[in-house]
PDB file of N, CA and C in Angstrom:
ATOM      1  N   MET A   1     -34.491  58.629  31.240  1.00  0.00           N
ATOM      2  CA  MET A   1     -35.007  59.071  32.530  1.00  0.00           C
ATOM      3  C   MET A   1     -35.379  57.828  33.361  1.00  0.00           C
ATOM      4  N   ALA A   2     -35.013  57.818  34.590  1.00  0.00           N
ATOM      5  CA  ALA A   2     -35.311  56.685  35.472  1.00  0.00           C
ATOM      6  C   ALA A   2     -36.792  56.651  35.815  1.00  0.00           C
ATOM      7  N   ALA A   3     -37.299  55.453  36.004  1.00  0.00           N
ATOM      8  CA  ALA A   3     -38.710  55.290  36.389  1.00  0.00           C
ATOM      9  C   ALA A   3     -38.903  55.768  37.820  1.00  0.00           C
ATOM     10  N   SER A   4     -40.045  56.351  38.066  1.00  0.00           N
ATOM     11  CA  SER A   4     -40.358  56.847  39.403  1.00  0.00           C
ATOM     12  C   SER A   4     -40.664  55.695  40.350  1.00  0.00           C
ATOM     13  N   LEU A   5     -40.287  55.860  41.600  1.00  0.00           N
ATOM     14  CA  LEU A   5     -40.611  54.858  42.614  1.00  0.00           C
ATOM     15  C   LEU A   5     -42.065  54.944  43.040  1.00  0.00           C
ATOM     16  N   TYR A   6     -42.700  56.085  42.758  1.00  0.00           N
ATOM     17  CA  TYR A   6     -44.074  56.314  43.179  1.00  0.00           C
ATOM     18  C   TYR A   6     -44.990  56.322  41.965  1.00  0.00           C
ATOM     19  N   PRO A   7     -46.171  55.738  42.115  1.00  0.00           N
ATOM     20  CA  PRO A   7     -47.111  55.729  40.988  1.00  0.00           C
ATOM     21  C   PRO A   7     -47.595  57.141  40.670  1.00  0.00           C
ATOM     22  N   ALA A   8     -48.040  57.323  39.428  1.00  0.00           N
ATOM     23  CA  ALA A   8     -48.610  58.616  39.053  1.00  0.00           C
ATOM     24  C   ALA A   8     -49.784  58.902  39.977  1.00  0.00           C
ATOM     25  N   ARG A   9     -49.912  60.147  40.383  1.00  0.00           N
ATOM     26  CA  ARG A   9     -50.970  60.473  41.327  1.00  0.00           C
ATOM     27  C   ARG A   9     -51.472  61.889  41.075  1.00  0.00           C
ATOM     28  N   SER A  10     -52.618  62.151  41.621  1.00  0.00           N
ATOM     29  CA  SER A  10     -53.174  63.495  41.515  1.00  0.00           C
ATOM     30  C   SER A  10     -53.183  64.126  42.898  1.00  0.00           C
ATOM     31  N   ARG A  11     -53.484  65.396  42.964  1.00  0.00           N
ATOM     32  CA  ARG A  11     -53.545  66.089  44.252  1.00  0.00           C
ATOM     33  C   ARG A  11     -54.674  65.558  45.118  1.00  0.00           C
ATOM     34  N   ARG A  12     -55.620  64.885  44.535  1.00  0.00           N
ATOM     35  CA  ARG A  12     -56.764  64.380  45.299  1.00  0.00           C
ATOM     36  C   ARG A  12     -56.487  63.031  45.960  1.00  0.00           C
ATOM     37  N   ASP A  13     -55.387  62.386  45.609  1.00  0.00           N
ATOM     38  CA  ASP A  13     -55.054  61.111  46.238  1.00  0.00           C
ATOM     39  C   ASP A  13     -54.780  61.332  47.719  1.00  0.00           C
ATOM     40  N   THR A  14     -55.313  60.462  48.541  1.00  0.00           N
ATOM     41  CA  THR A  14     -55.046  60.556  49.972  1.00  0.00           C
ATOM     42  C   THR A  14     -53.844  59.695  50.326  1.00  0.00           C
ATOM     43  N   VAL A  15     -53.313  59.920  51.500  1.00  0.00           N
ATOM     44  CA  VAL A  15     -52.175  59.140  51.969  1.00  0.00           C
ATOM     45  C   VAL A  15     -52.534  57.660  51.995  1.00  0.00           C
ATOM     46  N   GLU A  16     -53.756  57.352  52.431  1.00  0.00           N
ATOM     47  CA  GLU A  16     -54.180  55.958  52.507  1.00  0.00           C
ATOM     48  C   GLU A  16     -54.254  55.336  51.117  1.00  0.00           C
ATOM     49  N   GLN A  17     -54.765  56.083  50.136  1.00  0.00           N
ATOM     50  CA  GLN A  17     -54.882  55.557  48.780  1.00  0.00           C
ATOM     51  C   GLN A  17     -53.509  55.277  48.182  1.00  0.00           C
ATOM     52  N   LEU A  18     -52.537  56.065  48.536  1.00  0.00           N
ATOM     53  CA  LEU A  18     -51.196  55.878  48.011  1.00  0.00           C
ATOM     54  C   LEU A  18     -50.449  54.756  48.727  1.00  0.00           C
ATOM     55  N   GLY A  19     -51.013  54.238  49.806  1.00  0.00           N
ATOM     56  CA  GLY A  19     -50.387  53.141  50.530  1.00  0.00           C
ATOM     57  C   GLY A  19     -49.186  53.574  51.350  1.00  0.00           C
ATOM     58  N   LEU A  20     -49.138  54.840  51.750  1.00  0.00           N
ATOM     59  CA  LEU A  20     -47.990  55.333  52.495  1.00  0.00           C
ATOM     60  C   LEU A  20     -48.107  55.111  53.996  1.00  0.00           C
ATOM     61  N   LEU A  21     -49.299  54.818  54.471  1.00  0.00           N
ATOM     62  CA  LEU A  21     -49.491  54.455  55.878  1.00  0.00           C
ATOM     63  C   LEU A  21     -49.866  52.988  55.912  1.00  0.00           C
ATOM     64  N   PHE A  22     -49.109  52.225  56.635  1.00  0.00           N
ATOM     65  CA  PHE A  22     -49.276  50.784  56.571  1.00  0.00           C
ATOM     66  C   PHE A  22     -50.193  50.212  57.637  1.00  0.00           C
ATOM     67  N   ASN A  23     -50.282  50.861  58.775  1.00  0.00           N
ATOM     68  CA  ASN A  23     -51.139  50.330  59.830  1.00  0.00           C
ATOM     69  C   ASN A  23     -51.381  51.395  60.903  1.00  0.00           C
ATOM     70  N   GLU A  24     -52.186  51.046  61.864  1.00  0.00           N
ATOM     71  CA  GLU A  24     -52.544  51.984  62.931  1.00  0.00           C
ATOM     72  C   GLU A  24     -51.327  52.402  63.755  1.00  0.00           C
ATOM     73  N   ALA A  25     -50.438  51.463  64.017  1.00  0.00           N
ATOM     74  CA  ALA A  25     -49.246  51.782  64.813  1.00  0.00           C
ATOM     75  C   ALA A  25     -48.380  52.824  64.106  1.00  0.00           C
ATOM     76  N   MET A  26     -48.266  52.707  62.800  1.00  0.00           N
ATOM     77  CA  MET A  26     -47.470  53.663  62.046  1.00  0.00           C
ATOM     78  C   MET A  26     -48.136  55.044  62.061  1.00  0.00           C
ATOM     79  N   MET A  27     -49.457  55.081  61.919  1.00  0.00           N
ATOM     80  CA  MET A  27     -50.183  56.345  61.945  1.00  0.00           C
ATOM     81  C   MET A  27     -50.034  57.017  63.309  1.00  0.00           C
ATOM     82  N   ARG A  28     -50.149  56.241  64.364  1.00  0.00           N
ATOM     83  CA  ARG A  28     -49.991  56.773  65.723  1.00  0.00           C
ATOM     84  C   ARG A  28     -48.574  57.336  65.918  1.00  0.00           C
ATOM     85  N   GLN A  29     -47.580  56.627  65.414  1.00  0.00           N
ATOM     86  CA  GLN A  29     -46.194  57.082  65.535  1.00  0.00           C
ATOM     87  C   GLN A  29     -45.997  58.406  64.808  1.00  0.00           C
ATOM     88  N   LYS A  30     -46.584  58.541  63.626  1.00  0.00           N
ATOM     89  CA  LYS A  30     -46.455  59.787  62.858  1.00  0.00           C
ATOM     90  C   LYS A  30     -47.128  60.952  63.582  1.00  0.00           C
ATOM     91  N   LEU A  31     -48.317  60.709  64.135  1.00  0.00           N
ATOM     92  CA  LEU A  31     -49.015  61.765  64.877  1.00  0.00           C
ATOM     93  C   LEU A  31     -48.224  62.201  66.105  1.00  0.00           C
ATOM     94  N   GLU A  32     -47.677  61.240  66.839  1.00  0.00           N
ATOM     95  CA  GLU A  32     -46.891  61.579  68.022  1.00  0.00           C
ATOM     96  C   GLU A  32     -45.653  62.381  67.636  1.00  0.00           C
ATOM     97  N   TYR A  33     -45.029  62.005  66.533  1.00  0.00           N
ATOM     98  CA  TYR A  33     -43.858  62.746  66.047  1.00  0.00           C
ATOM     99  C   TYR A  33     -44.238  64.195  65.739  1.00  0.00           C
ATOM    100  N   ILE A  34     -45.333  64.377  65.000  1.00  0.00           N
ATOM    101  CA  ILE A  34     -45.785  65.720  64.630  1.00  0.00           C
ATOM    102  C   ILE A  34     -46.170  66.523  65.866  1.00  0.00           C
ATOM    103  N   HIS A  35     -46.916  65.892  66.776  1.00  0.00           N
ATOM    104  CA  HIS A  35     -47.353  66.598  67.981  1.00  0.00           C
ATOM    105  C   HIS A  35     -46.173  67.007  68.860  1.00  0.00           C
ATOM    106  N   ASN A  36     -45.101  66.243  68.858  1.00  0.00           N
ATOM    107  CA  ASN A  36     -43.967  66.534  69.739  1.00  0.00           C
ATOM    108  C   ASN A  36     -42.917  67.459  69.132  1.00  0.00           C
ATOM    109  N   ASN A  37     -43.023  67.785  67.844  1.00  0.00           N
ATOM    110  CA  ASN A  37     -42.035  68.680  67.229  1.00  0.00           C
ATOM    111  C   ASN A  37     -41.911  70.026  67.937  1.00  0.00           C
ATOM    112  N   PRO A  38     -43.000  70.724  68.276  1.00  0.00           N
ATOM    113  CA  PRO A  38     -42.849  72.021  68.970  1.00  0.00           C
ATOM    114  C   PRO A  38     -42.181  71.883  70.346  1.00  0.00           C
ATOM    115  N   VAL A  39     -42.379  70.743  71.002  1.00  0.00           N
ATOM    116  CA  VAL A  39     -41.747  70.497  72.302  1.00  0.00           C
ATOM    117  C   VAL A  39     -40.244  70.299  72.100  1.00  0.00           C
ATOM    118  N   LYS A  40     -39.877  69.498  71.114  1.00  0.00           N
ATOM    119  CA  LYS A  40     -38.456  69.249  70.845  1.00  0.00           C
ATOM    120  C   LYS A  40     -37.712  70.521  70.469  1.00  0.00           C
ATOM    121  N   ARG A  41     -38.388  71.436  69.796  1.00  0.00           N
ATOM    122  CA  ARG A  41     -37.769  72.703  69.403  1.00  0.00           C
ATOM    123  C   ARG A  41     -37.740  73.709  70.552  1.00  0.00           C
ATOM    124  N   GLY A  42     -38.413  73.393  71.666  1.00  0.00           N
ATOM    125  CA  GLY A  42     -38.403  74.279  72.820  1.00  0.00           C
ATOM    126  C   GLY A  42     -39.429  75.399  72.765  1.00  0.00           C
ATOM    127  N   TYR A  43     -40.388  75.302  71.856  1.00  0.00           N
ATOM    128  CA  TYR A  43     -41.405  76.348  71.740  1.00  0.00           C
ATOM    129  C   TYR A  43     -42.441  76.266  72.854  1.00  0.00           C
ATOM    130  N   VAL A  44     -42.758  75.058  73.290  1.00  0.00           N
ATOM    131  CA  VAL A  44     -43.743  74.832  74.351  1.00  0.00           C
ATOM    132  C   VAL A  44     -43.255  73.685  75.213  1.00  0.00           C
ATOM    133  N   ASP A  45     -43.874  73.510  76.378  1.00  0.00           N
ATOM    134  CA  ASP A  45     -43.467  72.404  77.245  1.00  0.00           C
ATOM    135  C   ASP A  45     -44.378  71.193  77.116  1.00  0.00           C
ATOM    136  N   SER A  46     -45.455  71.312  76.368  1.00  0.00           N
ATOM    137  CA  SER A  46     -46.388  70.206  76.155  1.00  0.00           C
ATOM    138  C   SER A  46     -47.008  70.349  74.766  1.00  0.00           C
ATOM    139  N   PRO A  47     -47.217  69.241  74.045  1.00  0.00           N
ATOM    140  CA  PRO A  47     -47.831  69.327  72.717  1.00  0.00           C
ATOM    141  C   PRO A  47     -49.170  70.059  72.717  1.00  0.00           C
ATOM    142  N   LYS A  48     -49.933  69.923  73.792  1.00  0.00           N
ATOM    143  CA  LYS A  48     -51.254  70.559  73.819  1.00  0.00           C
ATOM    144  C   LYS A  48     -51.176  72.078  73.924  1.00  0.00           C
ATOM    145  N   HIS A  49     -50.009  72.609  74.279  1.00  0.00           N
ATOM    146  CA  HIS A  49     -49.852  74.056  74.381  1.00  0.00           C
ATOM    147  C   HIS A  49     -49.530  74.722  73.042  1.00  0.00           C
ATOM    148  N   TRP A  50     -49.203  73.938  72.028  1.00  0.00           N
ATOM    149  CA  TRP A  50     -48.930  74.501  70.704  1.00  0.00           C
ATOM    150  C   TRP A  50     -50.257  74.794  70.025  1.00  0.00           C
ATOM    151  N   ARG A  51     -50.497  76.050  69.753  1.00  0.00           N
ATOM    152  CA  ARG A  51     -51.799  76.510  69.256  1.00  0.00           C
ATOM    153  C   ARG A  51     -52.261  75.783  67.992  1.00  0.00           C
ATOM    154  N   TYR A  52     -51.353  75.484  67.091  1.00  0.00           N
ATOM    155  CA  TYR A  52     -51.715  74.929  65.789  1.00  0.00           C
ATOM    156  C   TYR A  52     -51.703  73.403  65.759  1.00  0.00           C
ATOM    157  N   SER A  53     -51.581  72.779  66.902  1.00  0.00           N
ATOM    158  CA  SER A  53     -51.523  71.321  66.982  1.00  0.00           C
ATOM    159  C   SER A  53     -52.906  70.710  67.184  1.00  0.00           C
ATOM    160  N   SER A  54     -53.070  69.504  66.678  1.00  0.00           N
ATOM    161  CA  SER A  54     -54.305  68.753  66.934  1.00  0.00           C
ATOM    162  C   SER A  54     -54.181  67.933  68.220  1.00  0.00           C
ATOM    163  N   ALA A  55     -53.075  68.079  68.940  1.00  0.00           N
ATOM    164  CA  ALA A  55     -52.861  67.298  70.162  1.00  0.00           C
ATOM    165  C   ALA A  55     -54.002  67.479  71.157  1.00  0.00           C
ATOM    166  N   ARG A  56     -54.498  68.701  71.296  1.00  0.00           N
ATOM    167  CA  ARG A  56     -55.617  68.944  72.219  1.00  0.00           C
ATOM    168  C   ARG A  56     -56.830  68.105  71.839  1.00  0.00           C
ATOM    169  N   ASN A  57     -57.119  68.048  70.557  1.00  0.00           N
ATOM    170  CA  ASN A  57     -58.264  67.266  70.103  1.00  0.00           C
ATOM    171  C   ASN A  57     -58.123  65.800  70.510  1.00  0.00           C
ATOM    172  N   TYR A  58     -56.914  65.277  70.400  1.00  0.00           N
ATOM    173  CA  TYR A  58     -56.684  63.876  70.754  1.00  0.00           C
ATOM    174  C   TYR A  58     -56.713  63.653  72.263  1.00  0.00           C
ATOM    175  N   LEU A  59     -56.614  64.732  73.034  1.00  0.00           N
ATOM    176  CA  LEU A  59     -56.726  64.642  74.491  1.00  0.00           C
ATOM    177  C   LEU A  59     -58.141  64.928  74.974  1.00  0.00           C
ATOM    178  N   GLY A  60     -59.055  65.138  74.024  1.00  0.00           N
ATOM    179  CA  GLY A  60     -60.450  65.394  74.380  1.00  0.00           C
ATOM    180  C   GLY A  60     -60.744  66.840  74.717  1.00  0.00           C
ATOM    181  N   GLU A  61     -59.818  67.736  74.388  1.00  0.00           N
ATOM    182  CA  GLU A  61     -59.993  69.162  74.650  1.00  0.00           C
ATOM    183  C   GLU A  61     -60.269  69.884  73.334  1.00  0.00           C
ATOM    184  N   PRO A  62     -60.917  71.049  73.391  1.00  0.00           N
ATOM    185  CA  PRO A  62     -61.158  71.789  72.150  1.00  0.00           C
ATOM    186  C   PRO A  62     -59.853  72.356  71.590  1.00  0.00           C
ATOM    187  N   GLY A  63     -59.704  72.261  70.283  1.00  0.00           N
ATOM    188  CA  GLY A  63     -58.528  72.805  69.618  1.00  0.00           C
ATOM    189  C   GLY A  63     -58.876  74.039  68.808  1.00  0.00           C
ATOM    190  N   LEU A  64     -57.921  74.515  68.043  1.00  0.00           N
ATOM    191  CA  LEU A  64     -58.118  75.699  67.216  1.00  0.00           C
ATOM    192  C   LEU A  64     -59.212  75.463  66.178  1.00  0.00           C
ATOM    193  N   ILE A  65     -59.209  74.274  65.572  1.00  0.00           N
ATOM    194  CA  ILE A  65     -60.271  73.875  64.649  1.00  0.00           C
ATOM    195  C   ILE A  65     -60.767  72.502  65.062  1.00  0.00           C
ATOM    196  N   ALA A  66     -61.947  72.150  64.625  1.00  0.00           N
ATOM    197  CA  ALA A  66     -62.510  70.843  64.968  1.00  0.00           C
ATOM    198  C   ALA A  66     -61.768  69.741  64.215  1.00  0.00           C
ATOM    199  N   VAL A  67     -61.368  68.727  64.936  1.00  0.00           N
ATOM    200  CA  VAL A  67     -60.691  67.569  64.357  1.00  0.00           C
ATOM    201  C   VAL A  67     -61.360  66.333  64.920  1.00  0.00           C
ATOM    202  N   ASP A  68     -61.677  65.407  64.064  1.00  0.00           N
ATOM    203  CA  ASP A  68     -62.215  64.125  64.514  1.00  0.00           C
ATOM    204  C   ASP A  68     -61.053  63.161  64.687  1.00  0.00           C
ATOM    205  N   PRO A  69     -60.605  62.930  65.919  1.00  0.00           N
ATOM    206  CA  PRO A  69     -59.507  61.985  66.130  1.00  0.00           C
ATOM    207  C   PRO A  69     -59.857  60.616  65.565  1.00  0.00           C
ATOM    208  N   TRP A  70     -58.905  59.983  64.945  1.00  0.00           N
ATOM    209  CA  TRP A  70     -59.171  58.679  64.335  1.00  0.00           C
ATOM    210  C   TRP A  70     -58.956  57.530  65.317  1.00  0.00           C
ATOM    211  N   TYR A  71     -58.369  57.801  66.476  1.00  0.00           N
ATOM    212  CA  TYR A  71     -58.252  56.741  67.495  1.00  0.00           C
ATOM    213  C   TYR A  71     -58.708  57.247  68.826  1.00  0.00           C
TER     214      TYR A  71
END
């Protein structure tokens, strides 16, 4: 059996602990990608209009659930 590229981990490991996010720019890029998926699919015309998105929170507006934006 080939060795795994990823270290053994548990469900409690966070993305940061696993070293999968390398810096702030990468995290911002991932968030923008996620926030823009509903727009790219044509479901909404703005990320903030997607009910299940945290985009509103990052724009300073109330979202579906409370999110503490990291930037």
